[in-house]
N, C-alpha and C. Protein backbone atom coordinates (compact mmCIF):
# COMPACT_ATOMS: atom_id res chain seq x y z
N MET A 1 111.80 -16.15 -3.75
CA MET A 1 113.09 -15.49 -3.89
C MET A 1 113.86 -16.18 -5.02
N SER A 2 114.31 -15.40 -5.98
CA SER A 2 115.04 -15.98 -7.11
C SER A 2 116.47 -16.29 -6.72
N GLY A 3 117.12 -17.08 -7.55
CA GLY A 3 118.52 -17.43 -7.31
C GLY A 3 119.41 -16.21 -7.29
N GLU A 4 119.08 -15.20 -8.09
CA GLU A 4 119.88 -13.97 -8.13
C GLU A 4 119.86 -13.25 -6.77
N TRP A 5 118.71 -13.24 -6.12
CA TRP A 5 118.63 -12.60 -4.80
C TRP A 5 119.41 -13.38 -3.75
N VAL A 6 119.38 -14.69 -3.85
CA VAL A 6 120.19 -15.51 -2.94
C VAL A 6 121.66 -15.17 -3.13
N GLY A 7 122.08 -15.01 -4.38
CA GLY A 7 123.45 -14.62 -4.67
C GLY A 7 123.80 -13.25 -4.11
N PHE A 8 122.88 -12.29 -4.22
CA PHE A 8 123.14 -10.97 -3.66
C PHE A 8 123.29 -11.02 -2.14
N VAL A 9 122.45 -11.78 -1.48
CA VAL A 9 122.54 -11.90 -0.01
C VAL A 9 123.86 -12.56 0.37
N ALA A 10 124.21 -13.65 -0.29
CA ALA A 10 125.46 -14.35 0.01
C ALA A 10 126.66 -13.44 -0.25
N ALA A 11 126.67 -12.75 -1.38
CA ALA A 11 127.78 -11.87 -1.73
C ALA A 11 127.90 -10.72 -0.74
N THR A 12 126.78 -10.15 -0.35
CA THR A 12 126.80 -9.04 0.60
C THR A 12 127.35 -9.49 1.95
N LEU A 13 126.88 -10.62 2.44
CA LEU A 13 127.33 -11.10 3.75
C LEU A 13 128.81 -11.46 3.75
N THR A 14 129.28 -12.15 2.73
CA THR A 14 130.68 -12.55 2.73
C THR A 14 131.61 -11.36 2.52
N THR A 15 131.17 -10.39 1.72
CA THR A 15 131.98 -9.19 1.54
C THR A 15 131.99 -8.36 2.82
N LEU A 16 130.83 -8.18 3.44
CA LEU A 16 130.77 -7.42 4.70
C LEU A 16 131.58 -8.09 5.81
N ALA A 17 131.64 -9.41 5.81
CA ALA A 17 132.43 -10.12 6.82
C ALA A 17 133.91 -9.79 6.69
N PHE A 18 134.37 -9.51 5.49
CA PHE A 18 135.77 -9.21 5.24
C PHE A 18 136.13 -7.76 5.60
N VAL A 19 135.17 -6.86 5.55
CA VAL A 19 135.43 -5.43 5.70
C VAL A 19 136.04 -5.04 7.05
N PRO A 20 135.53 -5.50 8.20
CA PRO A 20 136.13 -5.04 9.47
C PRO A 20 137.62 -5.37 9.60
N GLN A 21 138.01 -6.56 9.20
CA GLN A 21 139.43 -6.92 9.27
C GLN A 21 140.25 -6.08 8.30
N ALA A 22 139.71 -5.87 7.12
CA ALA A 22 140.42 -5.05 6.14
C ALA A 22 140.59 -3.63 6.64
N LEU A 23 139.53 -3.04 7.20
CA LEU A 23 139.63 -1.68 7.72
C LEU A 23 140.62 -1.58 8.87
N LYS A 24 140.61 -2.57 9.76
CA LYS A 24 141.55 -2.58 10.88
C LYS A 24 142.99 -2.64 10.37
N THR A 25 143.23 -3.50 9.41
CA THR A 25 144.57 -3.64 8.85
C THR A 25 145.00 -2.36 8.14
N LEU A 26 144.10 -1.77 7.38
CA LEU A 26 144.42 -0.52 6.69
C LEU A 26 144.68 0.62 7.68
N ARG A 27 143.91 0.64 8.76
CA ARG A 27 144.05 1.70 9.76
C ARG A 27 145.34 1.56 10.57
N THR A 28 145.67 0.35 11.00
CA THR A 28 146.83 0.13 11.87
C THR A 28 148.12 -0.15 11.10
N ARG A 29 147.99 -0.57 9.86
CA ARG A 29 149.15 -0.97 9.04
C ARG A 29 149.87 -2.19 9.62
N ASP A 30 149.23 -2.87 10.55
CA ASP A 30 149.82 -4.05 11.19
C ASP A 30 149.49 -5.29 10.38
N THR A 31 150.49 -5.87 9.75
CA THR A 31 150.29 -7.06 8.92
C THR A 31 151.07 -8.26 9.44
N LYS A 32 151.58 -8.17 10.67
CA LYS A 32 152.39 -9.27 11.22
C LYS A 32 151.62 -10.58 11.29
N GLY A 33 150.35 -10.51 11.61
CA GLY A 33 149.55 -11.71 11.77
C GLY A 33 148.97 -12.24 10.47
N ILE A 34 149.33 -11.64 9.36
CA ILE A 34 148.77 -12.03 8.07
C ILE A 34 149.80 -12.86 7.30
N SER A 35 149.36 -13.97 6.79
CA SER A 35 150.22 -14.84 5.99
C SER A 35 150.31 -14.32 4.56
N LEU A 36 151.51 -14.05 4.10
CA LEU A 36 151.71 -13.59 2.73
C LEU A 36 151.22 -14.64 1.73
N GLY A 37 151.55 -15.88 1.97
CA GLY A 37 151.11 -16.95 1.07
C GLY A 37 149.60 -17.04 0.98
N MET A 38 148.93 -16.94 2.12
CA MET A 38 147.47 -17.01 2.13
C MET A 38 146.88 -15.85 1.35
N TYR A 39 147.40 -14.66 1.53
CA TYR A 39 146.84 -13.50 0.83
C TYR A 39 147.14 -13.55 -0.67
N LEU A 40 148.28 -14.08 -1.05
CA LEU A 40 148.55 -14.25 -2.48
C LEU A 40 147.55 -15.22 -3.11
N VAL A 41 147.35 -16.36 -2.48
CA VAL A 41 146.42 -17.36 -3.00
C VAL A 41 144.99 -16.81 -2.97
N PHE A 42 144.63 -16.14 -1.88
CA PHE A 42 143.29 -15.56 -1.73
C PHE A 42 143.02 -14.54 -2.85
N THR A 43 143.99 -13.68 -3.12
CA THR A 43 143.83 -12.64 -4.13
C THR A 43 143.72 -13.24 -5.53
N VAL A 44 144.53 -14.24 -5.82
CA VAL A 44 144.42 -14.92 -7.11
C VAL A 44 143.05 -15.61 -7.22
N GLY A 45 142.61 -16.22 -6.13
CA GLY A 45 141.29 -16.85 -6.11
C GLY A 45 140.18 -15.85 -6.38
N LEU A 46 140.29 -14.66 -5.80
CA LEU A 46 139.29 -13.62 -6.07
C LEU A 46 139.27 -13.23 -7.54
N CYS A 47 140.44 -13.16 -8.14
CA CYS A 47 140.50 -12.85 -9.58
C CYS A 47 139.75 -13.89 -10.39
N PHE A 48 139.92 -15.16 -10.03
CA PHE A 48 139.21 -16.22 -10.74
C PHE A 48 137.71 -16.18 -10.47
N TRP A 49 137.30 -15.89 -9.22
CA TRP A 49 135.87 -15.76 -8.92
C TRP A 49 135.27 -14.61 -9.70
N LEU A 50 136.01 -13.50 -9.81
CA LEU A 50 135.54 -12.36 -10.59
C LEU A 50 135.39 -12.75 -12.06
N ALA A 51 136.39 -13.43 -12.60
CA ALA A 51 136.31 -13.86 -14.00
C ALA A 51 135.11 -14.81 -14.20
N TYR A 52 134.90 -15.70 -13.26
CA TYR A 52 133.77 -16.63 -13.34
C TYR A 52 132.45 -15.87 -13.30
N GLY A 53 132.35 -14.88 -12.42
CA GLY A 53 131.15 -14.06 -12.36
C GLY A 53 130.90 -13.32 -13.67
N ILE A 54 131.98 -12.85 -14.29
CA ILE A 54 131.84 -12.16 -15.58
C ILE A 54 131.35 -13.13 -16.66
N VAL A 55 131.92 -14.33 -16.68
CA VAL A 55 131.49 -15.33 -17.66
C VAL A 55 130.00 -15.65 -17.48
N LEU A 56 129.56 -15.75 -16.22
CA LEU A 56 128.16 -16.08 -15.94
C LEU A 56 127.23 -14.87 -16.01
N HIS A 57 127.81 -13.68 -16.15
CA HIS A 57 127.03 -12.43 -16.09
C HIS A 57 126.28 -12.33 -14.77
N SER A 58 126.95 -12.73 -13.69
CA SER A 58 126.35 -12.73 -12.35
C SER A 58 126.78 -11.48 -11.60
N TRP A 59 125.88 -10.50 -11.54
CA TRP A 59 126.22 -9.24 -10.86
C TRP A 59 126.57 -9.41 -9.40
N PRO A 60 125.92 -10.30 -8.64
CA PRO A 60 126.35 -10.49 -7.25
C PRO A 60 127.81 -10.92 -7.16
N MET A 61 128.22 -11.83 -8.02
CA MET A 61 129.61 -12.30 -8.00
C MET A 61 130.56 -11.21 -8.47
N ILE A 62 130.16 -10.48 -9.48
CA ILE A 62 131.03 -9.44 -10.03
C ILE A 62 131.26 -8.33 -9.01
N VAL A 63 130.19 -7.78 -8.47
CA VAL A 63 130.30 -6.64 -7.55
C VAL A 63 131.02 -7.03 -6.26
N SER A 64 130.62 -8.15 -5.67
CA SER A 64 131.24 -8.54 -4.39
C SER A 64 132.71 -8.86 -4.57
N ASN A 65 133.07 -9.50 -5.67
CA ASN A 65 134.48 -9.84 -5.88
C ASN A 65 135.32 -8.62 -6.24
N ILE A 66 134.75 -7.64 -6.90
CA ILE A 66 135.49 -6.40 -7.15
C ILE A 66 135.79 -5.70 -5.83
N ILE A 67 134.80 -5.58 -4.97
CA ILE A 67 134.98 -4.91 -3.68
C ILE A 67 136.01 -5.65 -2.84
N THR A 68 135.84 -6.96 -2.71
CA THR A 68 136.76 -7.74 -1.89
C THR A 68 138.16 -7.75 -2.50
N LEU A 69 138.25 -7.80 -3.82
CA LEU A 69 139.56 -7.78 -4.49
C LEU A 69 140.30 -6.47 -4.22
N VAL A 70 139.60 -5.36 -4.27
CA VAL A 70 140.24 -4.07 -3.97
C VAL A 70 140.79 -4.06 -2.55
N LEU A 71 139.97 -4.51 -1.60
CA LEU A 71 140.43 -4.55 -0.20
C LEU A 71 141.60 -5.51 -0.04
N ALA A 72 141.51 -6.68 -0.66
CA ALA A 72 142.59 -7.66 -0.54
C ALA A 72 143.89 -7.14 -1.17
N LEU A 73 143.78 -6.45 -2.30
CA LEU A 73 144.98 -5.88 -2.92
C LEU A 73 145.62 -4.81 -2.06
N LEU A 74 144.79 -4.01 -1.39
CA LEU A 74 145.33 -3.01 -0.47
C LEU A 74 146.08 -3.66 0.68
N ILE A 75 145.49 -4.69 1.26
CA ILE A 75 146.13 -5.40 2.37
C ILE A 75 147.39 -6.12 1.88
N LEU A 76 147.31 -6.74 0.73
CA LEU A 76 148.48 -7.41 0.17
C LEU A 76 149.61 -6.41 -0.07
N GLY A 77 149.27 -5.25 -0.57
CA GLY A 77 150.27 -4.20 -0.76
C GLY A 77 150.92 -3.78 0.55
N LEU A 78 150.10 -3.65 1.60
CA LEU A 78 150.66 -3.31 2.92
C LEU A 78 151.56 -4.42 3.43
N LYS A 79 151.16 -5.65 3.22
CA LYS A 79 151.96 -6.79 3.68
C LYS A 79 153.31 -6.80 2.96
N LEU A 80 153.29 -6.56 1.66
CA LEU A 80 154.54 -6.55 0.90
C LEU A 80 155.42 -5.36 1.31
N ARG A 81 154.81 -4.24 1.64
CA ARG A 81 155.56 -3.05 1.99
C ARG A 81 156.09 -3.07 3.42
N HIS A 82 155.23 -3.52 4.36
CA HIS A 82 155.58 -3.46 5.78
C HIS A 82 155.96 -4.80 6.38
N GLY A 83 155.86 -5.85 5.60
CA GLY A 83 156.22 -7.17 6.13
C GLY A 83 155.14 -7.68 6.98
């Protein structure tokens, strides 16, 4: 198994782990239990991981971080809108 496949497996698992919570938050619009500070830092961190993946030309990092970044931005938007 090449390093690229290990990256794809890791990226898939960590992105999939984030999806159920993101879907629940998007469905219920309940953001009371979410820390605004944590999501701001998390979203900025995703931007840097995406940039790093682009620099390395690492498709696992690029694709997984784009997906997770979109979900995180949606949740962050709900948090800012609904508190």
